[in-house]
């Protein structure tokens, strides 16, 4: 019996177990993938996975940071 299943040459998931979808950008704030990419990851070809992985660092800039939440809103009133 061989362990070939564990030796496959696949692109691993970029998941970091911080699964929160940004409400505006619609990407995961942990791994920066879209919902569609996350859901279809296991069905993507290795080339498609590599293309997503290359694009991920640039997506971080799509996320806007919150600027103080409720406390900031109250200060403006």
C-alpha atoms as a PDB file:
ATOM      1  CA  UNK A   1       0.000   0.000   0.000  1.00  0.00           C
ATOM      2  CA  UNK A   2       1.383   3.416  -0.943  1.00  0.00           C
ATOM      3  CA  UNK A   3       0.802   6.891   0.375  1.00  0.00           C
ATOM      4  CA  UNK A   4       0.469   8.475  -3.058  1.00  0.00           C
ATOM      5  CA  UNK A   5      -2.629  10.390  -1.962  1.00  0.00           C
ATOM      6  CA  UNK A   6      -0.482  12.326   0.517  1.00  0.00           C
ATOM      7  CA  UNK A   7       2.241  13.025  -2.034  1.00  0.00           C
ATOM      8  CA  UNK A   8       0.134  14.810  -4.639  1.00  0.00           C
ATOM      9  CA  UNK A   9       1.628  17.959  -6.114  1.00  0.00           C
ATOM     10  CA  UNK A  10      -1.206  20.380  -5.393  1.00  0.00           C
ATOM     11  CA  UNK A  11      -1.317  24.032  -4.485  1.00  0.00           C
ATOM     12  CA  UNK A  12      -2.322  24.241  -0.841  1.00  0.00           C
ATOM     13  CA  UNK A  13      -5.131  26.421   0.403  1.00  0.00           C
ATOM     14  CA  UNK A  14      -4.169  29.898   1.627  1.00  0.00           C
ATOM     15  CA  UNK A  15      -6.758  29.599   4.421  1.00  0.00           C
ATOM     16  CA  UNK A  16      -5.544  30.895   7.790  1.00  0.00           C
ATOM     17  CA  UNK A  17      -8.734  30.008   9.712  1.00  0.00           C
ATOM     18  CA  UNK A  18      -9.861  33.641   9.951  1.00  0.00           C
ATOM     19  CA  UNK A  19     -13.060  33.306   7.967  1.00  0.00           C
ATOM     20  CA  UNK A  20     -14.698  36.721   7.929  1.00  0.00           C
ATOM     21  CA  UNK A  21     -16.049  38.162   4.695  1.00  0.00           C
ATOM     22  CA  UNK A  22     -15.566  41.898   4.233  1.00  0.00           C
ATOM     23  CA  UNK A  23     -19.055  43.371   3.637  1.00  0.00           C
ATOM     24  CA  UNK A  24     -18.005  45.713   0.818  1.00  0.00           C
ATOM     25  CA  UNK A  25     -15.051  44.006  -0.882  1.00  0.00           C
ATOM     26  CA  UNK A  26     -16.723  40.555  -0.521  1.00  0.00           C
ATOM     27  CA  UNK A  27     -13.418  38.808   0.128  1.00  0.00           C
ATOM     28  CA  UNK A  28     -12.236  36.873   3.160  1.00  0.00           C
ATOM     29  CA  UNK A  29     -10.228  39.105   5.495  1.00  0.00           C
ATOM     30  CA  UNK A  30      -8.018  36.138   6.397  1.00  0.00           C
ATOM     31  CA  UNK A  31      -6.978  34.653   3.057  1.00  0.00           C
ATOM     32  CA  UNK A  32      -8.265  37.358   0.652  1.00  0.00           C
ATOM     33  CA  UNK A  33     -10.130  34.882  -1.565  1.00  0.00           C
ATOM     34  CA  UNK A  34     -13.624  35.517  -2.888  1.00  0.00           C
ATOM     35  CA  UNK A  35     -16.539  33.398  -1.715  1.00  0.00           C
ATOM     36  CA  UNK A  36     -16.580  31.707  -5.124  1.00  0.00           C
ATOM     37  CA  UNK A  37     -12.883  30.880  -4.919  1.00  0.00           C
ATOM     38  CA  UNK A  38     -13.250  29.476  -1.415  1.00  0.00           C
ATOM     39  CA  UNK A  39     -16.252  27.344  -2.375  1.00  0.00           C
ATOM     40  CA  UNK A  40     -14.698  26.040  -5.565  1.00  0.00           C
ATOM     41  CA  UNK A  41     -11.087  25.668  -4.376  1.00  0.00           C
ATOM     42  CA  UNK A  42     -11.122  21.871  -4.429  1.00  0.00           C
ATOM     43  CA  UNK A  43     -12.370  21.888  -8.024  1.00  0.00           C
ATOM     44  CA  UNK A  44      -9.852  24.429  -9.364  1.00  0.00           C
ATOM     45  CA  UNK A  45      -6.974  23.207 -11.461  1.00  0.00           C
ATOM     46  CA  UNK A  46      -3.458  23.641 -10.064  1.00  0.00           C
ATOM     47  CA  UNK A  47      -2.871  26.428 -12.618  1.00  0.00           C
ATOM     48  CA  UNK A  48      -6.023  28.253 -11.534  1.00  0.00           C
ATOM     49  CA  UNK A  49      -5.034  27.903  -7.870  1.00  0.00           C
ATOM     50  CA  UNK A  50      -1.582  29.312  -8.608  1.00  0.00           C
ATOM     51  CA  UNK A  51      -3.166  32.274 -10.414  1.00  0.00           C
ATOM     52  CA  UNK A  52      -5.344  33.025  -7.392  1.00  0.00           C
ATOM     53  CA  UNK A  53      -2.376  32.689  -5.037  1.00  0.00           C
ATOM     54  CA  UNK A  54      -0.370  35.189  -7.111  1.00  0.00           C
ATOM     55  CA  UNK A  55      -3.257  37.682  -6.993  1.00  0.00           C
ATOM     56  CA  UNK A  56      -3.913  37.442  -3.223  1.00  0.00           C
ATOM     57  CA  UNK A  57      -1.300  39.935  -1.926  1.00  0.00           C
ATOM     58  CA  UNK A  58      -2.766  42.725  -4.096  1.00  0.00           C
ATOM     59  CA  UNK A  59      -6.248  42.114  -2.711  1.00  0.00           C
ATOM     60  CA  UNK A  60      -5.254  43.183   0.785  1.00  0.00           C
ATOM     61  CA  UNK A  61      -5.437  46.781  -0.434  1.00  0.00           C
ATOM     62  CA  UNK A  62      -9.116  46.297  -1.322  1.00  0.00           C
ATOM     63  CA  UNK A  63     -10.018  46.089   2.340  1.00  0.00           C
ATOM     64  CA  UNK A  64     -10.894  49.345   4.012  1.00  0.00           C
ATOM     65  CA  UNK A  65     -10.155  49.651   7.666  1.00  0.00           C
ATOM     66  CA  UNK A  66     -12.841  50.766  10.076  1.00  0.00           C
ATOM     67  CA  UNK A  67     -12.134  54.150  11.547  1.00  0.00           C
ATOM     68  CA  UNK A  68     -13.184  53.989  15.159  1.00  0.00           C
ATOM     69  CA  UNK A  69     -16.639  52.457  14.947  1.00  0.00           C
ATOM     70  CA  UNK A  70     -19.369  53.800  17.247  1.00  0.00           C
ATOM     71  CA  UNK A  71     -16.968  55.872  19.309  1.00  0.00           C
ATOM     72  CA  UNK A  72     -15.828  57.805  16.233  1.00  0.00           C
ATOM     73  CA  UNK A  73     -19.417  58.416  15.117  1.00  0.00           C
ATOM     74  CA  UNK A  74     -20.378  59.766  18.523  1.00  0.00           C
ATOM     75  CA  UNK A  75     -17.372  62.095  18.511  1.00  0.00           C
ATOM     76  CA  UNK A  76     -18.554  63.593  15.204  1.00  0.00           C
ATOM     77  CA  UNK A  77     -21.996  64.519  16.537  1.00  0.00           C
END
